[in-house]
Amino acid sequence: MAPSAARSARTFEVRVERHLGPAAAALFPEFEVRHESDGSTVLTGALPDQAALHGALARVRDLGLVLIEVRQVGAGNGVGGTVGAGAADGVDAREGAGER
């Protein structure tokens, strides 16, 4: 990673429904994969730019995974908060996910 890319890299968590198997997890080499007790999977990794984030989200979509949450993490990132899959309409994706 170039020095300027290292400075701009931000860490994201992407939460999807269900536990990913080894084959699906291998499609996200830039992320650490963590299976949660609620049955979801959290992908955590530093991405160099928005294009890399969009690429990862496109893979989530292409695999037919249900996106629960995307959030930027890390101290001093200047940006915080959670963007649920339903955030555009003001609804957290975890609320009423089966109502779509």
N, C-alpha and C. Protein backbone atom coordinates (compact mmCIF):
# COMPACT_ATOMS: atom_id res chain seq x y z
N MET A 1 0.85 -1.17 0.00
CA MET A 1 0.00 0.00 0.00
C MET A 1 0.89 1.23 0.00
N ALA A 2 0.61 2.19 -0.84
CA ALA A 2 1.39 3.42 -0.93
C ALA A 2 1.20 4.25 0.34
N PRO A 3 2.19 5.08 0.70
CA PRO A 3 2.08 5.88 1.93
C PRO A 3 0.79 6.70 1.99
N SER A 4 0.38 7.32 0.88
CA SER A 4 -0.84 8.12 0.91
C SER A 4 -2.07 7.24 1.10
N ALA A 5 -2.05 6.03 0.56
CA ALA A 5 -3.17 5.10 0.74
C ALA A 5 -3.25 4.64 2.18
N ALA A 6 -2.10 4.43 2.82
CA ALA A 6 -2.09 3.98 4.21
C ALA A 6 -2.72 5.03 5.11
N ARG A 7 -2.48 6.32 4.82
CA ARG A 7 -3.05 7.38 5.64
C ARG A 7 -4.54 7.46 5.46
N SER A 8 -5.06 7.16 4.29
CA SER A 8 -6.48 7.32 4.05
C SER A 8 -7.28 6.04 4.29
N ALA A 9 -6.60 4.92 4.56
CA ALA A 9 -7.31 3.67 4.81
C ALA A 9 -8.17 3.81 6.06
N ARG A 10 -9.37 3.29 5.98
CA ARG A 10 -10.29 3.32 7.10
C ARG A 10 -10.78 1.91 7.35
N THR A 11 -11.05 1.62 8.61
CA THR A 11 -11.51 0.29 8.98
C THR A 11 -13.03 0.26 9.00
N PHE A 12 -13.57 -0.77 8.37
CA PHE A 12 -15.02 -0.94 8.30
C PHE A 12 -15.42 -2.30 8.84
N GLU A 13 -16.62 -2.36 9.39
CA GLU A 13 -17.27 -3.61 9.73
C GLU A 13 -18.49 -3.75 8.85
N VAL A 14 -18.60 -4.91 8.23
CA VAL A 14 -19.75 -5.22 7.39
C VAL A 14 -20.40 -6.45 8.02
N ARG A 15 -21.65 -6.32 8.44
CA ARG A 15 -22.37 -7.43 9.08
C ARG A 15 -23.40 -7.98 8.09
N VAL A 16 -23.40 -9.30 7.95
CA VAL A 16 -24.36 -9.98 7.07
C VAL A 16 -25.07 -11.07 7.86
N GLU A 17 -26.25 -11.43 7.38
CA GLU A 17 -26.99 -12.53 8.00
C GLU A 17 -26.27 -13.83 7.77
N ARG A 18 -26.41 -14.74 8.70
CA ARG A 18 -25.88 -16.11 8.64
C ARG A 18 -24.36 -16.16 8.77
N HIS A 19 -23.89 -17.30 9.14
CA HIS A 19 -22.45 -17.54 9.20
C HIS A 19 -21.95 -17.90 7.81
N LEU A 20 -20.90 -17.24 7.36
CA LEU A 20 -20.31 -17.56 6.07
C LEU A 20 -19.47 -18.82 6.19
N GLY A 21 -19.58 -19.69 5.21
CA GLY A 21 -18.73 -20.88 5.16
C GLY A 21 -17.34 -20.49 4.67
N PRO A 22 -16.41 -21.44 4.71
CA PRO A 22 -15.03 -21.15 4.31
C PRO A 22 -14.91 -20.65 2.87
N ALA A 23 -15.69 -21.20 1.95
CA ALA A 23 -15.59 -20.79 0.54
C ALA A 23 -16.04 -19.34 0.37
N ALA A 24 -17.15 -18.98 1.00
CA ALA A 24 -17.64 -17.60 0.90
C ALA A 24 -16.70 -16.64 1.61
N ALA A 25 -16.20 -17.03 2.79
CA ALA A 25 -15.28 -16.17 3.54
C ALA A 25 -14.01 -15.90 2.73
N ALA A 26 -13.57 -16.88 1.97
CA ALA A 26 -12.35 -16.73 1.17
C ALA A 26 -12.51 -15.68 0.07
N LEU A 27 -13.74 -15.32 -0.25
CA LEU A 27 -13.98 -14.29 -1.27
C LEU A 27 -13.81 -12.88 -0.71
N PHE A 28 -13.49 -12.77 0.57
CA PHE A 28 -13.29 -11.48 1.23
C PHE A 28 -11.91 -11.46 1.90
N PRO A 29 -10.83 -11.59 1.10
CA PRO A 29 -9.48 -11.70 1.68
C PRO A 29 -9.03 -10.46 2.44
N GLU A 30 -9.62 -9.32 2.17
CA GLU A 30 -9.22 -8.08 2.84
C GLU A 30 -9.84 -7.93 4.22
N PHE A 31 -10.71 -8.89 4.59
CA PHE A 31 -11.42 -8.81 5.85
C PHE A 31 -11.07 -9.96 6.78
N GLU A 32 -11.12 -9.68 8.07
CA GLU A 32 -11.12 -10.72 9.10
C GLU A 32 -12.58 -11.13 9.26
N VAL A 33 -12.84 -12.42 9.32
CA VAL A 33 -14.21 -12.93 9.40
C VAL A 33 -14.47 -13.41 10.82
N ARG A 34 -15.57 -12.93 11.40
CA ARG A 34 -15.94 -13.31 12.76
C ARG A 34 -17.40 -13.75 12.78
N HIS A 35 -17.66 -14.94 13.26
CA HIS A 35 -19.02 -15.44 13.41
C HIS A 35 -19.56 -15.03 14.77
N GLU A 36 -20.72 -14.43 14.78
CA GLU A 36 -21.34 -13.94 16.00
C GLU A 36 -22.33 -14.97 16.54
N SER A 37 -22.63 -14.90 17.84
CA SER A 37 -23.54 -15.84 18.47
C SER A 37 -24.99 -15.67 17.99
N ASP A 38 -25.31 -14.51 17.42
CA ASP A 38 -26.66 -14.29 16.90
C ASP A 38 -26.86 -14.88 15.50
N GLY A 39 -25.82 -15.55 14.99
CA GLY A 39 -25.93 -16.19 13.68
C GLY A 39 -25.41 -15.34 12.54
N SER A 40 -25.01 -14.10 12.81
CA SER A 40 -24.50 -13.23 11.75
C SER A 40 -22.99 -13.39 11.62
N THR A 41 -22.46 -12.81 10.54
CA THR A 41 -21.01 -12.76 10.32
C THR A 41 -20.61 -11.31 10.22
N VAL A 42 -19.50 -10.96 10.89
CA VAL A 42 -18.95 -9.61 10.80
C VAL A 42 -17.62 -9.69 10.07
N LEU A 43 -17.51 -8.91 9.00
CA LEU A 43 -16.28 -8.79 8.22
C LEU A 43 -15.63 -7.48 8.64
N THR A 44 -14.38 -7.52 9.11
CA THR A 44 -13.69 -6.32 9.57
C THR A 44 -12.38 -6.17 8.80
N GLY A 45 -12.16 -4.98 8.23
CA GLY A 45 -10.91 -4.77 7.52
C GLY A 45 -10.68 -3.32 7.16
N ALA A 46 -9.41 -2.98 6.94
CA ALA A 46 -9.02 -1.64 6.51
C ALA A 46 -9.08 -1.59 4.99
N LEU A 47 -9.80 -0.61 4.50
CA LEU A 47 -9.96 -0.45 3.05
C LEU A 47 -9.35 0.88 2.64
N PRO A 48 -8.67 0.91 1.49
CA PRO A 48 -7.94 2.12 1.10
C PRO A 48 -8.83 3.27 0.65
N ASP A 49 -10.03 2.96 0.17
CA ASP A 49 -10.88 4.03 -0.36
C ASP A 49 -12.32 3.54 -0.51
N GLN A 50 -13.18 4.46 -0.92
CA GLN A 50 -14.60 4.15 -1.10
C GLN A 50 -14.82 3.11 -2.21
N ALA A 51 -13.97 3.13 -3.22
CA ALA A 51 -14.11 2.15 -4.30
C ALA A 51 -13.93 0.73 -3.77
N ALA A 52 -13.00 0.54 -2.86
CA ALA A 52 -12.78 -0.78 -2.26
C ALA A 52 -13.99 -1.20 -1.43
N LEU A 53 -14.58 -0.26 -0.70
CA LEU A 53 -15.77 -0.56 0.08
C LEU A 53 -16.91 -0.96 -0.85
N HIS A 54 -17.11 -0.20 -1.91
CA HIS A 54 -18.17 -0.53 -2.86
C HIS A 54 -17.94 -1.88 -3.52
N GLY A 55 -16.69 -2.21 -3.79
CA GLY A 55 -16.37 -3.52 -4.35
C GLY A 55 -16.74 -4.65 -3.41
N ALA A 56 -16.44 -4.47 -2.13
CA ALA A 56 -16.80 -5.49 -1.13
C ALA A 56 -18.31 -5.61 -1.02
N LEU A 57 -19.01 -4.48 -1.02
CA LEU A 57 -20.47 -4.52 -0.93
C LEU A 57 -21.08 -5.15 -2.18
N ALA A 58 -20.45 -4.97 -3.33
CA ALA A 58 -20.93 -5.61 -4.56
C ALA A 58 -20.80 -7.13 -4.44
N ARG A 59 -19.72 -7.60 -3.81
CA ARG A 59 -19.56 -9.05 -3.60
C ARG A 59 -20.64 -9.58 -2.66
N VAL A 60 -20.96 -8.80 -1.61
CA VAL A 60 -22.04 -9.19 -0.70
C VAL A 60 -23.32 -9.36 -1.51
N ARG A 61 -23.62 -8.38 -2.35
CA ARG A 61 -24.81 -8.43 -3.19
C ARG A 61 -24.78 -9.61 -4.16
N ASP A 62 -23.66 -9.78 -4.85
CA ASP A 62 -23.54 -10.83 -5.86
C ASP A 62 -23.69 -12.23 -5.27
N LEU A 63 -23.31 -12.38 -4.00
CA LEU A 63 -23.44 -13.68 -3.33
C LEU A 63 -24.84 -13.89 -2.75
N GLY A 64 -25.68 -12.87 -2.87
CA GLY A 64 -27.04 -12.98 -2.36
C GLY A 64 -27.12 -12.91 -0.84
N LEU A 65 -26.09 -12.33 -0.21
CA LEU A 65 -26.08 -12.21 1.24
C LEU A 65 -26.98 -11.06 1.67
N VAL A 66 -27.57 -11.19 2.83
CA VAL A 66 -28.42 -10.12 3.38
C VAL A 66 -27.53 -9.20 4.21
N LEU A 67 -27.42 -7.96 3.77
CA LEU A 67 -26.61 -6.95 4.46
C LEU A 67 -27.40 -6.41 5.64
N ILE A 68 -26.79 -6.47 6.81
CA ILE A 68 -27.45 -5.96 8.01
C ILE A 68 -26.93 -4.57 8.36
N GLU A 69 -25.60 -4.40 8.27
CA GLU A 69 -25.01 -3.15 8.77
C GLU A 69 -23.64 -2.93 8.15
N VAL A 70 -23.33 -1.67 7.92
CA VAL A 70 -21.98 -1.25 7.52
C VAL A 70 -21.61 -0.12 8.47
N ARG A 71 -20.42 -0.24 9.07
CA ARG A 71 -20.02 0.86 9.95
C ARG A 71 -18.51 1.04 9.91
N GLN A 72 -18.13 2.29 10.01
CA GLN A 72 -16.72 2.64 10.08
C GLN A 72 -16.31 2.59 11.54
N VAL A 73 -15.17 1.97 11.82
CA VAL A 73 -14.71 1.82 13.20
C VAL A 73 -13.30 2.36 13.33
N GLY A 74 -12.89 2.56 14.56
CA GLY A 74 -11.52 3.01 14.80
C GLY A 74 -11.49 4.35 15.47
N ALA A 75 -10.53 4.51 16.37
CA ALA A 75 -10.38 5.76 17.09
C ALA A 75 -9.84 6.85 16.18
N GLY A 76 -10.37 8.04 16.35
CA GLY A 76 -9.86 9.20 15.64
C GLY A 76 -10.13 9.20 14.16
N ASN A 77 -11.16 8.49 13.72
CA ASN A 77 -11.42 8.47 12.28
C ASN A 77 -12.21 9.69 11.82
N GLY A 78 -12.72 10.47 12.78
CA GLY A 78 -13.41 11.69 12.41
C GLY A 78 -14.81 11.46 11.87
N VAL A 79 -15.15 10.23 11.60
CA VAL A 79 -16.47 9.90 11.09
C VAL A 79 -16.96 8.73 11.92
N GLY A 80 -18.18 8.76 12.30
CA GLY A 80 -18.66 7.64 13.10
C GLY A 80 -20.05 7.25 12.67
N GLY A 81 -20.56 6.29 13.37
CA GLY A 81 -21.93 5.93 13.14
C GLY A 81 -22.10 4.67 12.33
N THR A 82 -23.34 4.30 12.24
CA THR A 82 -23.72 3.07 11.58
C THR A 82 -24.61 3.42 10.40
N VAL A 83 -24.41 2.70 9.33
CA VAL A 83 -25.30 2.82 8.19
C VAL A 83 -25.92 1.45 8.00
N GLY A 84 -27.17 1.32 8.42
CA GLY A 84 -27.88 0.07 8.20
C GLY A 84 -28.31 -0.01 6.75
N ALA A 85 -28.67 -1.19 6.30
CA ALA A 85 -29.07 -1.36 4.91
C ALA A 85 -30.31 -0.54 4.58
N GLY A 86 -31.13 -0.21 5.57
CA GLY A 86 -32.33 0.57 5.33
C GLY A 86 -32.16 2.02 5.71
N ALA A 87 -30.94 2.48 5.88
CA ALA A 87 -30.70 3.83 6.38
C ALA A 87 -31.23 4.92 5.47
N ALA A 88 -31.31 4.66 4.19
CA ALA A 88 -31.79 5.68 3.26
C ALA A 88 -33.21 6.10 3.58
N ASP A 89 -34.01 5.17 4.11
CA ASP A 89 -35.38 5.53 4.46
C ASP A 89 -35.55 5.69 5.97
N GLY A 90 -34.41 5.83 6.70
CA GLY A 90 -34.46 6.10 8.11
C GLY A 90 -34.77 4.89 8.97
N VAL A 91 -34.65 3.70 8.44
CA VAL A 91 -34.97 2.48 9.18
C VAL A 91 -33.70 1.67 9.35
N ASP A 92 -33.42 1.27 10.58
CA ASP A 92 -32.28 0.38 10.82
C ASP A 92 -32.63 -0.95 10.20
N ALA A 93 -31.70 -1.53 9.47
CA ALA A 93 -31.96 -2.78 8.75
C ALA A 93 -32.31 -3.92 9.69
N ARG A 94 -31.92 -3.82 10.95
CA ARG A 94 -32.22 -4.89 11.89
C ARG A 94 -33.66 -4.84 12.35
N GLU A 95 -34.33 -3.70 12.19
CA GLU A 95 -35.72 -3.57 12.60
C GLU A 95 -36.61 -3.91 11.43
N GLY A 96 -37.45 -4.89 11.58
CA GLY A 96 -38.42 -5.20 10.55
C GLY A 96 -37.82 -5.73 9.27
N ALA A 97 -36.69 -6.43 9.37
CA ALA A 97 -36.03 -6.90 8.16
C ALA A 97 -36.92 -7.82 7.35
N GLY A 98 -37.81 -8.54 8.00
CA GLY A 98 -38.68 -9.46 7.26
C GLY A 98 -39.88 -8.79 6.66
N GLU A 99 -40.04 -7.49 6.85
CA GLU A 99 -41.22 -6.78 6.39
C GLU A 99 -41.08 -6.19 5.00
N ARG A 100 -39.98 -6.42 4.34
CA ARG A 100 -39.76 -5.83 3.02
C ARG A 100 -40.42 -6.65 1.95
